[in-house]
Amino acid sequence: MESKSGKLSRDDLFSLEEYADKRAEFREQVLSHKRNRRLDLGTNAALYFEDRMTMQYQIQEMLRIERIFEADGINEELEAYNPLIPDGSNWKATFMIEFPEVEERQKMLGLLVGIEARVYVQVADFDRVYAIADEDLERSDAGKTSAVHFMRFEFTPEQSAALQAGASLIAGIDHENYQVEICPVADNIRESLVNDLA
């Protein structure tokens, strides 16, 4: 369970019995890890960057809740969550639009159509890297966007090398109804994300 990269297989997972014993400890590790992988974009949006550990936790929790122990069921969970693990040239994230009041949330989701295509990261002086969103299924229509989007930020080898050499990182959203820029992204988040690049 040491590797940080590559897709998960059944061999990487705890059995239900093992997970029952190790869950509390593993959950603490994951929560600590996730603190360096959440990036607030203003007060009402955030990126939650996924990786092998966050996806293992997600799978283990699903297997536990659903009491799945047969090979076919485990493989289905692996197929669902493995695509959210970075491939070495990208970052993968869950983007969430967060308005606590239901009425305001409904109104804003109508005003933020297309926001998922306007989320970006920028390495030093390179061009912005805009998110490639919702490759699994469409989550927006002409009337409103979804509160949750899955996205990928794909880097050139030069951008990856610059990040690994210590280049600064900026992130933001440039939608007409929601504009924010984080400059620079905090070091703890930046360092965690650099680990996703090969």
N, C-alpha and C. Protein backbone atom coordinates (compact mmCIF):
# COMPACT_ATOMS: atom_id res chain seq x y z
N MET A 1 0.82 -1.21 0.00
CA MET A 1 0.00 0.00 0.00
C MET A 1 0.86 1.27 0.00
N GLU A 2 2.13 1.16 -0.35
CA GLU A 2 3.02 2.31 -0.24
C GLU A 2 3.01 3.20 -1.49
N SER A 3 2.76 2.62 -2.66
CA SER A 3 2.88 3.39 -3.89
C SER A 3 1.89 4.56 -3.91
N LYS A 4 2.36 5.73 -4.39
CA LYS A 4 1.48 6.88 -4.46
C LYS A 4 0.84 7.01 -5.84
N SER A 5 1.34 6.29 -6.82
CA SER A 5 0.83 6.46 -8.18
C SER A 5 0.33 5.14 -8.71
N GLY A 6 -0.32 5.20 -9.85
CA GLY A 6 -0.86 3.99 -10.47
C GLY A 6 -2.25 3.69 -9.96
N LYS A 7 -2.97 2.92 -10.76
CA LYS A 7 -4.34 2.57 -10.43
C LYS A 7 -4.36 1.55 -9.30
N LEU A 8 -5.46 1.52 -8.60
CA LEU A 8 -5.65 0.55 -7.51
C LEU A 8 -6.13 -0.78 -8.08
N SER A 9 -5.71 -1.86 -7.45
CA SER A 9 -6.20 -3.19 -7.80
C SER A 9 -6.77 -3.83 -6.54
N ARG A 10 -7.38 -5.00 -6.69
CA ARG A 10 -7.94 -5.68 -5.52
C ARG A 10 -6.86 -5.97 -4.48
N ASP A 11 -5.62 -6.20 -4.93
CA ASP A 11 -4.53 -6.49 -4.00
C ASP A 11 -4.20 -5.31 -3.09
N ASP A 12 -4.56 -4.10 -3.52
CA ASP A 12 -4.26 -2.91 -2.72
C ASP A 12 -5.28 -2.66 -1.62
N LEU A 13 -6.40 -3.36 -1.67
CA LEU A 13 -7.50 -3.08 -0.76
C LEU A 13 -7.47 -3.99 0.46
N PHE A 14 -7.95 -3.47 1.58
CA PHE A 14 -8.15 -4.29 2.77
C PHE A 14 -9.42 -5.12 2.60
N SER A 15 -9.42 -6.32 3.15
CA SER A 15 -10.67 -7.08 3.22
C SER A 15 -11.61 -6.35 4.17
N LEU A 16 -12.89 -6.68 4.15
CA LEU A 16 -13.84 -6.03 5.07
C LEU A 16 -13.42 -6.21 6.52
N GLU A 17 -12.94 -7.38 6.84
CA GLU A 17 -12.51 -7.66 8.22
C GLU A 17 -11.29 -6.83 8.59
N GLU A 18 -10.29 -6.81 7.69
CA GLU A 18 -9.08 -5.99 7.94
C GLU A 18 -9.45 -4.52 8.08
N TYR A 19 -10.34 -4.06 7.19
CA TYR A 19 -10.71 -2.64 7.19
C TYR A 19 -11.42 -2.26 8.49
N ALA A 20 -12.22 -3.17 9.00
CA ALA A 20 -12.89 -2.91 10.28
C ALA A 20 -11.86 -2.64 11.37
N ASP A 21 -10.75 -3.39 11.35
CA ASP A 21 -9.69 -3.20 12.35
C ASP A 21 -8.90 -1.92 12.12
N LYS A 22 -8.68 -1.57 10.85
CA LYS A 22 -7.75 -0.47 10.52
C LYS A 22 -8.46 0.83 10.18
N ARG A 23 -9.79 0.82 10.14
CA ARG A 23 -10.53 1.97 9.62
C ARG A 23 -10.22 3.26 10.36
N ALA A 24 -10.25 3.24 11.67
CA ALA A 24 -10.05 4.49 12.44
C ALA A 24 -8.68 5.10 12.14
N GLU A 25 -7.65 4.26 12.13
CA GLU A 25 -6.29 4.74 11.86
C GLU A 25 -6.17 5.25 10.42
N PHE A 26 -6.71 4.48 9.47
CA PHE A 26 -6.63 4.87 8.06
C PHE A 26 -7.41 6.16 7.82
N ARG A 27 -8.57 6.28 8.45
CA ARG A 27 -9.39 7.48 8.30
C ARG A 27 -8.63 8.72 8.78
N GLU A 28 -7.93 8.60 9.91
CA GLU A 28 -7.12 9.72 10.41
C GLU A 28 -6.04 10.12 9.41
N GLN A 29 -5.37 9.12 8.84
CA GLN A 29 -4.34 9.39 7.82
C GLN A 29 -4.94 10.13 6.64
N VAL A 30 -6.09 9.67 6.18
CA VAL A 30 -6.73 10.27 5.01
C VAL A 30 -7.18 11.69 5.31
N LEU A 31 -7.79 11.92 6.46
CA LEU A 31 -8.25 13.26 6.81
C LEU A 31 -7.07 14.23 6.90
N SER A 32 -5.96 13.78 7.48
CA SER A 32 -4.77 14.61 7.55
C SER A 32 -4.24 14.92 6.14
N HIS A 33 -4.22 13.90 5.29
CA HIS A 33 -3.77 14.03 3.90
C HIS A 33 -4.67 15.01 3.13
N LYS A 34 -5.98 14.91 3.33
CA LYS A 34 -6.93 15.74 2.59
C LYS A 34 -6.82 17.22 2.94
N ARG A 35 -6.32 17.52 4.14
CA ARG A 35 -6.20 18.93 4.53
C ARG A 35 -5.27 19.68 3.58
N ASN A 36 -4.34 18.97 2.98
CA ASN A 36 -3.41 19.59 2.03
C ASN A 36 -3.90 19.48 0.60
N ARG A 37 -5.13 19.04 0.40
CA ARG A 37 -5.62 18.81 -0.96
C ARG A 37 -6.97 19.49 -1.23
N ARG A 38 -7.35 20.38 -0.32
CA ARG A 38 -8.57 21.18 -0.53
C ARG A 38 -8.14 22.61 -0.81
N LEU A 39 -8.64 23.17 -1.91
CA LEU A 39 -8.31 24.53 -2.28
C LEU A 39 -9.60 25.33 -2.40
N ASP A 40 -9.81 26.25 -1.45
CA ASP A 40 -10.98 27.11 -1.51
C ASP A 40 -10.79 28.15 -2.60
N LEU A 41 -11.82 28.30 -3.43
CA LEU A 41 -11.82 29.31 -4.49
C LEU A 41 -12.91 30.32 -4.13
N GLY A 42 -12.53 31.29 -3.31
CA GLY A 42 -13.52 32.21 -2.79
C GLY A 42 -14.32 31.52 -1.69
N THR A 43 -15.50 32.09 -1.38
CA THR A 43 -16.29 31.58 -0.26
C THR A 43 -17.28 30.49 -0.65
N ASN A 44 -17.51 30.29 -1.95
CA ASN A 44 -18.58 29.38 -2.36
C ASN A 44 -18.16 28.31 -3.36
N ALA A 45 -16.87 28.09 -3.50
CA ALA A 45 -16.41 27.03 -4.41
C ALA A 45 -15.10 26.47 -3.87
N ALA A 46 -14.87 25.20 -4.16
CA ALA A 46 -13.63 24.56 -3.70
C ALA A 46 -13.28 23.42 -4.64
N LEU A 47 -11.98 23.19 -4.74
CA LEU A 47 -11.45 22.03 -5.45
C LEU A 47 -10.93 21.04 -4.40
N TYR A 48 -11.36 19.79 -4.53
CA TYR A 48 -10.87 18.71 -3.68
C TYR A 48 -10.05 17.80 -4.59
N PHE A 49 -8.73 17.88 -4.49
CA PHE A 49 -7.86 17.12 -5.39
C PHE A 49 -7.79 15.67 -4.95
N GLU A 50 -8.05 14.78 -5.89
CA GLU A 50 -8.09 13.35 -5.61
C GLU A 50 -6.74 12.71 -5.91
N ASP A 51 -6.47 11.60 -5.27
CA ASP A 51 -5.29 10.80 -5.59
C ASP A 51 -5.53 9.37 -5.14
N ARG A 52 -4.48 8.60 -5.17
CA ARG A 52 -4.61 7.16 -4.87
C ARG A 52 -5.16 6.93 -3.46
N MET A 53 -4.68 7.70 -2.49
CA MET A 53 -5.13 7.51 -1.11
C MET A 53 -6.59 7.91 -0.94
N THR A 54 -6.99 9.06 -1.50
CA THR A 54 -8.39 9.49 -1.34
C THR A 54 -9.33 8.51 -2.03
N MET A 55 -8.90 7.95 -3.16
CA MET A 55 -9.75 7.00 -3.87
C MET A 55 -9.79 5.64 -3.16
N GLN A 56 -8.67 5.23 -2.56
CA GLN A 56 -8.72 3.98 -1.78
C GLN A 56 -9.71 4.13 -0.63
N TYR A 57 -9.66 5.27 0.03
CA TYR A 57 -10.58 5.50 1.14
C TYR A 57 -12.04 5.45 0.65
N GLN A 58 -12.28 6.10 -0.48
CA GLN A 58 -13.64 6.12 -1.04
C GLN A 58 -14.12 4.70 -1.35
N ILE A 59 -13.24 3.91 -1.97
CA ILE A 59 -13.60 2.52 -2.31
C ILE A 59 -13.83 1.71 -1.04
N GLN A 60 -12.90 1.82 -0.09
CA GLN A 60 -13.04 1.04 1.15
C GLN A 60 -14.35 1.37 1.85
N GLU A 61 -14.69 2.65 1.87
CA GLU A 61 -15.94 3.05 2.52
C GLU A 61 -17.16 2.50 1.78
N MET A 62 -17.12 2.52 0.45
CA MET A 62 -18.23 1.96 -0.33
C MET A 62 -18.37 0.46 -0.09
N LEU A 63 -17.24 -0.24 -0.09
CA LEU A 63 -17.29 -1.69 0.14
C LEU A 63 -17.86 -1.97 1.54
N ARG A 64 -17.45 -1.17 2.50
CA ARG A 64 -17.92 -1.35 3.88
C ARG A 64 -19.42 -1.10 3.99
N ILE A 65 -19.87 0.03 3.45
CA ILE A 65 -21.28 0.41 3.55
C ILE A 65 -22.18 -0.61 2.84
N GLU A 66 -21.73 -1.02 1.65
CA GLU A 66 -22.55 -1.94 0.83
C GLU A 66 -22.29 -3.41 1.17
N ARG A 67 -21.34 -3.66 2.07
CA ARG A 67 -20.96 -5.04 2.44
C ARG A 67 -20.56 -5.85 1.20
N ILE A 68 -19.75 -5.24 0.36
CA ILE A 68 -19.31 -5.89 -0.88
C ILE A 68 -18.03 -6.66 -0.60
N PHE A 69 -18.04 -7.95 -0.90
CA PHE A 69 -16.82 -8.75 -0.73
C PHE A 69 -16.57 -9.68 -1.91
N GLU A 70 -17.49 -9.71 -2.88
CA GLU A 70 -17.30 -10.57 -4.05
C GLU A 70 -16.49 -9.82 -5.10
N ALA A 71 -15.72 -10.58 -5.89
CA ALA A 71 -14.79 -10.01 -6.86
C ALA A 71 -15.47 -9.05 -7.83
N ASP A 72 -16.64 -9.44 -8.37
CA ASP A 72 -17.31 -8.59 -9.36
C ASP A 72 -17.68 -7.23 -8.78
N GLY A 73 -18.19 -7.24 -7.56
CA GLY A 73 -18.57 -5.99 -6.92
C GLY A 73 -17.37 -5.10 -6.63
N ILE A 74 -16.29 -5.72 -6.17
CA ILE A 74 -15.06 -4.96 -5.90
C ILE A 74 -14.53 -4.36 -7.20
N ASN A 75 -14.52 -5.16 -8.27
CA ASN A 75 -14.02 -4.67 -9.56
C ASN A 75 -14.86 -3.50 -10.08
N GLU A 76 -16.18 -3.55 -9.84
CA GLU A 76 -17.04 -2.43 -10.26
C GLU A 76 -16.64 -1.14 -9.56
N GLU A 77 -16.36 -1.22 -8.26
CA GLU A 77 -15.93 -0.03 -7.52
C GLU A 77 -14.58 0.48 -8.03
N LEU A 78 -13.66 -0.44 -8.30
CA LEU A 78 -12.35 -0.04 -8.85
C LEU A 78 -12.52 0.67 -10.19
N GLU A 79 -13.39 0.13 -11.04
CA GLU A 79 -13.62 0.75 -12.36
C GLU A 79 -14.23 2.13 -12.22
N ALA A 80 -15.07 2.32 -11.21
CA ALA A 80 -15.72 3.62 -11.01
C ALA A 80 -14.76 4.67 -10.50
N TYR A 81 -13.84 4.28 -9.60
CA TYR A 81 -13.01 5.28 -8.92
C TYR A 81 -11.60 5.42 -9.47
N ASN A 82 -11.05 4.38 -10.12
CA ASN A 82 -9.70 4.49 -10.66
C ASN A 82 -9.50 5.65 -11.64
N PRO A 83 -10.51 6.00 -12.46
CA PRO A 83 -10.30 7.14 -13.36
C PRO A 83 -10.05 8.47 -12.66
N LEU A 84 -10.36 8.56 -11.36
CA LEU A 84 -10.13 9.80 -10.62
C LEU A 84 -8.73 9.89 -10.00
N ILE A 85 -7.89 8.89 -10.28
CA ILE A 85 -6.50 8.92 -9.79
C ILE A 85 -5.64 9.59 -10.87
N PRO A 86 -4.83 10.59 -10.51
CA PRO A 86 -3.98 11.26 -11.50
C PRO A 86 -3.08 10.28 -12.24
N ASP A 87 -2.76 10.63 -13.49
CA ASP A 87 -1.98 9.74 -14.36
C ASP A 87 -0.50 10.14 -14.47
N GLY A 88 -0.07 11.14 -13.71
CA GLY A 88 1.34 11.56 -13.77
C GLY A 88 1.53 12.84 -14.54
N SER A 89 0.60 13.18 -15.45
CA SER A 89 0.71 14.43 -16.21
C SER A 89 -0.45 15.36 -15.88
N ASN A 90 -1.23 15.00 -14.86
CA ASN A 90 -2.42 15.80 -14.58
C ASN A 90 -2.77 15.79 -13.10
N TRP A 91 -3.70 16.66 -12.76
CA TRP A 91 -4.35 16.66 -11.46
C TRP A 91 -5.82 16.37 -11.70
N LYS A 92 -6.43 15.63 -10.80
CA LYS A 92 -7.86 15.34 -10.91
C LYS A 92 -8.53 15.82 -9.64
N ALA A 93 -9.69 16.42 -9.81
CA ALA A 93 -10.33 17.06 -8.67
C ALA A 93 -11.84 16.97 -8.75
N THR A 94 -12.45 17.00 -7.58
CA THR A 94 -13.89 17.20 -7.47
C THR A 94 -14.08 18.69 -7.18
N PHE A 95 -14.85 19.35 -8.02
CA PHE A 95 -15.14 20.78 -7.87
C PHE A 95 -16.53 20.91 -7.29
N MET A 96 -16.64 21.66 -6.20
CA MET A 96 -17.94 21.79 -5.53
C MET A 96 -18.32 23.26 -5.38
N ILE A 97 -19.55 23.53 -5.75
CA ILE A 97 -20.13 24.86 -5.55
C ILE A 97 -20.95 24.77 -4.27
N GLU A 98 -20.63 25.63 -3.30
CA GLU A 98 -21.13 25.44 -1.95
C GLU A 98 -21.86 26.70 -1.46
N PHE A 99 -23.18 26.68 -1.59
CA PHE A 99 -24.03 27.72 -1.01
C PHE A 99 -24.92 27.04 0.02
N PRO A 100 -24.83 27.40 1.31
CA PRO A 100 -25.56 26.66 2.34
C PRO A 100 -27.08 26.77 2.23
N GLU A 101 -27.60 27.92 1.79
CA GLU A 101 -29.05 28.11 1.71
C GLU A 101 -29.58 27.56 0.39
N VAL A 102 -30.62 26.73 0.46
CA VAL A 102 -31.15 26.05 -0.72
C VAL A 102 -31.59 27.03 -1.80
N GLU A 103 -32.33 28.07 -1.42
CA GLU A 103 -32.83 29.03 -2.43
C GLU A 103 -31.70 29.75 -3.12
N GLU A 104 -30.72 30.19 -2.34
CA GLU A 104 -29.57 30.88 -2.95
C GLU A 104 -28.81 29.93 -3.85
N ARG A 105 -28.63 28.67 -3.40
CA ARG A 105 -27.91 27.68 -4.21
C ARG A 105 -28.61 27.49 -5.56
N GLN A 106 -29.93 27.31 -5.54
CA GLN A 106 -30.66 27.10 -6.80
C GLN A 106 -30.50 28.30 -7.73
N LYS A 107 -30.60 29.50 -7.16
CA LYS A 107 -30.45 30.71 -7.96
C LYS A 107 -29.04 30.79 -8.57
N MET A 108 -28.02 30.54 -7.75
CA MET A 108 -26.64 30.66 -8.22
C MET A 108 -26.29 29.58 -9.24
N LEU A 109 -26.81 28.38 -9.08
CA LEU A 109 -26.54 27.33 -10.07
C LEU A 109 -27.09 27.73 -11.43
N GLY A 110 -28.15 28.52 -11.43
CA GLY A 110 -28.67 29.06 -12.69
C GLY A 110 -27.78 30.13 -13.27
N LEU A 111 -27.13 30.91 -12.40
CA LEU A 111 -26.25 32.00 -12.87
C LEU A 111 -24.85 31.52 -13.22
N LEU A 112 -24.51 30.30 -12.80
CA LEU A 112 -23.13 29.82 -12.98
C LEU A 112 -23.00 28.74 -14.05
N VAL A 113 -23.93 28.71 -14.99
CA VAL A 113 -23.84 27.75 -16.11
C VAL A 113 -22.49 27.93 -16.80
N GLY A 114 -21.79 26.83 -17.01
CA GLY A 114 -20.50 26.86 -17.69
C GLY A 114 -19.31 27.12 -16.80
N ILE A 115 -19.53 27.30 -15.49
CA ILE A 115 -18.42 27.62 -14.59
C ILE A 115 -17.34 26.54 -14.62
N GLU A 116 -17.76 25.28 -14.81
CA GLU A 116 -16.79 24.17 -14.78
C GLU A 116 -15.71 24.31 -15.85
N ALA A 117 -16.00 25.03 -16.94
CA ALA A 117 -15.01 25.24 -18.00
C ALA A 117 -14.15 26.47 -17.75
N ARG A 118 -14.43 27.21 -16.67
CA ARG A 118 -13.71 28.45 -16.39
C ARG A 118 -12.83 28.35 -15.15
N VAL A 119 -12.68 27.15 -14.62
CA VAL A 119 -11.78 26.91 -13.48
C VAL A 119 -10.39 26.67 -14.04
N TYR A 120 -9.39 27.29 -13.46
CA TYR A 120 -8.04 27.16 -14.02
C TYR A 120 -6.98 27.08 -12.93
N VAL A 121 -5.82 26.56 -13.34
CA VAL A 121 -4.59 26.68 -12.57
C VAL A 121 -3.54 27.27 -13.52
N GLN A 122 -2.53 27.90 -12.95
CA GLN A 122 -1.48 28.51 -13.77
C GLN A 122 -0.14 28.32 -13.09
N VAL A 123 0.80 27.78 -13.84
CA VAL A 123 2.16 27.56 -13.35
C VAL A 123 3.01 28.76 -13.78
N ALA A 124 3.52 29.51 -12.81
CA ALA A 124 4.41 30.65 -13.07
C ALA A 124 3.87 31.49 -14.22
N ASP A 125 4.69 31.71 -15.27
CA ASP A 125 4.30 32.56 -16.40
C ASP A 125 3.72 31.78 -17.57
N PHE A 126 3.51 30.49 -17.40
CA PHE A 126 2.90 29.70 -18.47
C PHE A 126 1.44 30.12 -18.66
N ASP A 127 0.84 29.67 -19.76
CA ASP A 127 -0.58 29.91 -20.00
C ASP A 127 -1.41 29.20 -18.93
N ARG A 128 -2.59 29.72 -18.69
CA ARG A 128 -3.52 29.06 -17.78
C ARG A 128 -3.88 27.67 -18.31
N VAL A 129 -4.09 26.74 -17.39
CA VAL A 129 -4.57 25.40 -17.72
C VAL A 129 -6.01 25.33 -17.24
N TYR A 130 -6.95 25.33 -18.19
CA TYR A 130 -8.36 25.26 -17.83
C TYR A 130 -8.78 23.80 -17.64
N ALA A 131 -9.73 23.62 -16.74
CA ALA A 131 -10.21 22.27 -16.42
C ALA A 131 -10.90 21.63 -17.61
N ILE A 132 -10.66 20.34 -17.76
CA ILE A 132 -11.46 19.49 -18.65
C ILE A 132 -12.47 18.83 -17.71
N ALA A 133 -13.74 19.16 -17.89
CA ALA A 133 -14.73 18.78 -16.88
C ALA A 133 -15.70 17.71 -17.36
N ASP A 134 -16.14 16.90 -16.41
CA ASP A 134 -17.27 15.98 -16.59
C ASP A 134 -17.12 15.07 -17.81
N GLU A 135 -15.98 14.40 -17.88
CA GLU A 135 -15.77 13.48 -19.00
C GLU A 135 -16.64 12.24 -18.89
N ASP A 136 -17.15 11.97 -17.67
CA ASP A 136 -17.98 10.78 -17.49
C ASP A 136 -19.42 11.02 -17.94
N LEU A 137 -19.97 12.21 -17.61
CA LEU A 137 -21.33 12.53 -18.05
C LEU A 137 -21.55 14.02 -17.91
N GLU A 138 -22.49 14.54 -18.70
CA GLU A 138 -22.80 15.97 -18.70
C GLU A 138 -23.53 16.32 -17.40
N ARG A 139 -23.06 17.36 -16.71
CA ARG A 139 -23.66 17.74 -15.44
C ARG A 139 -24.31 19.13 -15.47
N SER A 140 -24.37 19.72 -16.65
CA SER A 140 -24.99 21.03 -16.79
C SER A 140 -25.97 21.00 -17.95
N ASP A 141 -26.92 21.94 -17.92
CA ASP A 141 -27.76 22.15 -19.10
C ASP A 141 -27.89 23.66 -19.27
N ALA A 142 -28.72 24.08 -20.21
CA ALA A 142 -28.82 25.51 -20.50
C ALA A 142 -29.36 26.31 -19.31
N GLY A 143 -30.10 25.64 -18.43
CA GLY A 143 -30.74 26.35 -17.33
C GLY A 143 -29.95 26.43 -16.05
N LYS A 144 -29.11 25.42 -15.78
CA LYS A 144 -28.33 25.46 -14.54
C LYS A 144 -27.15 24.49 -14.63
N THR A 145 -26.17 24.74 -13.77
CA THR A 145 -25.04 23.83 -13.65
C THR A 145 -25.27 22.93 -12.44
N SER A 146 -24.43 21.94 -12.29
CA SER A 146 -24.49 21.05 -11.13
C SER A 146 -23.64 21.64 -10.01
N ALA A 147 -23.94 21.25 -8.79
CA ALA A 147 -23.13 21.69 -7.64
C ALA A 147 -21.83 20.91 -7.55
N VAL A 148 -21.71 19.79 -8.29
CA VAL A 148 -20.52 18.94 -8.24
C VAL A 148 -20.06 18.64 -9.66
N HIS A 149 -18.77 18.82 -9.90
CA HIS A 149 -18.17 18.49 -11.20
C HIS A 149 -16.87 17.74 -10.96
N PHE A 150 -16.55 16.83 -11.86
CA PHE A 150 -15.27 16.13 -11.81
C PHE A 150 -14.40 16.71 -12.91
N MET A 151 -13.16 17.05 -12.57
CA MET A 151 -12.32 17.72 -13.55
C MET A 151 -10.88 17.27 -13.52
N ARG A 152 -10.24 17.56 -14.66
CA ARG A 152 -8.84 17.17 -14.86
C ARG A 152 -8.10 18.40 -15.38
N PHE A 153 -6.90 18.62 -14.84
CA PHE A 153 -6.00 19.67 -15.32
C PHE A 153 -4.79 18.98 -15.93
N GLU A 154 -4.59 19.16 -17.21
CA GLU A 154 -3.55 18.43 -17.95
C GLU A 154 -2.36 19.36 -18.19
N PHE A 155 -1.16 18.92 -17.80
CA PHE A 155 0.04 19.75 -17.90
C PHE A 155 0.98 19.28 -19.00
N THR A 156 1.69 20.25 -19.59
CA THR A 156 2.77 19.91 -20.51
C THR A 156 3.98 19.45 -19.69
N PRO A 157 4.91 18.72 -20.31
CA PRO A 157 6.12 18.34 -19.58
C PRO A 157 6.86 19.56 -19.00
N GLU A 158 6.84 20.68 -19.73
CA GLU A 158 7.53 21.89 -19.26
C GLU A 158 6.86 22.44 -18.00
N GLN A 159 5.54 22.45 -17.99
CA GLN A 159 4.83 22.93 -16.80
C GLN A 159 5.08 22.02 -15.60
N SER A 160 5.05 20.71 -15.84
CA SER A 160 5.33 19.76 -14.75
C SER A 160 6.72 19.97 -14.19
N ALA A 161 7.70 20.11 -15.09
CA ALA A 161 9.09 20.30 -14.66
C ALA A 161 9.23 21.59 -13.86
N ALA A 162 8.55 22.64 -14.30
CA ALA A 162 8.63 23.92 -13.59
C ALA A 162 8.04 23.79 -12.18
N LEU A 163 6.90 23.11 -12.07
CA LEU A 163 6.30 22.91 -10.74
C LEU A 163 7.24 22.12 -9.84
N GLN A 164 7.84 21.08 -10.39
CA GLN A 164 8.74 20.25 -9.59
C GLN A 164 10.00 21.01 -9.19
N ALA A 165 10.35 22.03 -9.98
CA ALA A 165 11.52 22.84 -9.67
C ALA A 165 11.19 24.01 -8.74
N GLY A 166 9.91 24.11 -8.33
CA GLY A 166 9.54 25.13 -7.35
C GLY A 166 8.77 26.32 -7.88
N ALA A 167 8.32 26.26 -9.14
CA ALA A 167 7.57 27.39 -9.72
C ALA A 167 6.30 27.65 -8.92
N SER A 168 5.87 28.91 -8.94
CA SER A 168 4.66 29.28 -8.20
C SER A 168 3.42 28.73 -8.89
N LEU A 169 2.34 28.64 -8.13
CA LEU A 169 1.08 28.12 -8.63
C LEU A 169 -0.04 29.10 -8.27
N ILE A 170 -0.87 29.37 -9.26
CA ILE A 170 -2.03 30.24 -9.11
C ILE A 170 -3.25 29.39 -9.47
N ALA A 171 -4.39 29.68 -8.88
CA ALA A 171 -5.63 29.01 -9.25
C ALA A 171 -6.76 30.01 -9.21
N GLY A 172 -7.79 29.77 -10.02
CA GLY A 172 -8.90 30.71 -10.01
C GLY A 172 -10.08 30.26 -10.84
N ILE A 173 -11.04 31.17 -10.91
CA ILE A 173 -12.23 30.99 -11.74
C ILE A 173 -12.47 32.32 -12.44
N ASP A 174 -12.71 32.29 -13.76
CA ASP A 174 -13.00 33.55 -14.44
C ASP A 174 -14.35 33.50 -15.18
N HIS A 175 -15.36 33.10 -14.44
CA HIS A 175 -16.74 33.10 -14.95
C HIS A 175 -17.32 34.49 -14.72
N GLU A 176 -18.19 34.93 -15.62
CA GLU A 176 -18.72 36.31 -15.50
C GLU A 176 -19.43 36.55 -14.17
N ASN A 177 -19.99 35.51 -13.56
CA ASN A 177 -20.71 35.69 -12.30
C ASN A 177 -19.96 35.15 -11.08
N TYR A 178 -18.71 34.76 -11.28
CA TYR A 178 -17.90 34.28 -10.15
C TYR A 178 -16.44 34.40 -10.55
N GLN A 179 -15.78 35.39 -9.98
CA GLN A 179 -14.38 35.61 -10.32
C GLN A 179 -13.54 35.62 -9.05
N VAL A 180 -12.48 34.82 -9.09
CA VAL A 180 -11.59 34.74 -7.95
C VAL A 180 -10.23 34.26 -8.44
N GLU A 181 -9.18 34.74 -7.80
CA GLU A 181 -7.84 34.21 -8.10
C GLU A 181 -7.08 34.04 -6.79
N ILE A 182 -6.49 32.86 -6.62
CA ILE A 182 -5.66 32.56 -5.46
C ILE A 182 -4.21 32.64 -5.92
N CYS A 183 -3.49 33.63 -5.41
CA CYS A 183 -2.13 33.90 -5.90
C CYS A 183 -1.23 34.27 -4.74
N PRO A 184 -0.31 33.38 -4.35
CA PRO A 184 -0.14 32.02 -4.86
C PRO A 184 -0.95 31.01 -4.04
N VAL A 185 -1.08 29.81 -4.57
CA VAL A 185 -1.66 28.70 -3.82
C VAL A 185 -0.72 28.39 -2.65
N ALA A 186 -1.27 28.10 -1.49
CA ALA A 186 -0.47 27.84 -0.29
C ALA A 186 0.53 26.71 -0.52
N ASP A 187 1.70 26.83 0.10
CA ASP A 187 2.79 25.87 -0.12
C ASP A 187 2.39 24.43 0.21
N ASN A 188 1.63 24.23 1.31
CA ASN A 188 1.29 22.86 1.68
C ASN A 188 0.44 22.18 0.61
N ILE A 189 -0.47 22.95 -0.01
CA ILE A 189 -1.31 22.39 -1.09
C ILE A 189 -0.47 22.17 -2.33
N ARG A 190 0.33 23.17 -2.68
CA ARG A 190 1.17 23.07 -3.87
C ARG A 190 2.10 21.84 -3.78
N GLU A 191 2.73 21.65 -2.63
CA GLU A 191 3.66 20.52 -2.47
C GLU A 191 2.94 19.18 -2.57
N SER A 192 1.76 19.10 -1.99
CA SER A 192 0.99 17.85 -2.10
C SER A 192 0.65 17.55 -3.55
N LEU A 193 0.27 18.58 -4.30
CA LEU A 193 -0.13 18.39 -5.70
C LEU A 193 1.07 18.06 -6.59
N VAL A 194 2.21 18.63 -6.30
CA VAL A 194 3.40 18.32 -7.10
C VAL A 194 3.71 16.82 -7.03
N ASN A 195 3.40 16.20 -5.90
CA ASN A 195 3.62 14.76 -5.76
C ASN A 195 2.81 13.93 -6.75
N ASP A 196 1.75 14.50 -7.32
CA ASP A 196 0.92 13.77 -8.28
C ASP A 196 1.57 13.70 -9.67
N LEU A 197 2.60 14.51 -9.89
CA LEU A 197 3.21 14.57 -11.21
C LEU A 197 4.40 13.65 -11.29
N ALA A 198 4.49 12.92 -12.39
CA ALA A 198 5.59 11.94 -12.56
C ALA A 198 6.90 12.65 -12.82
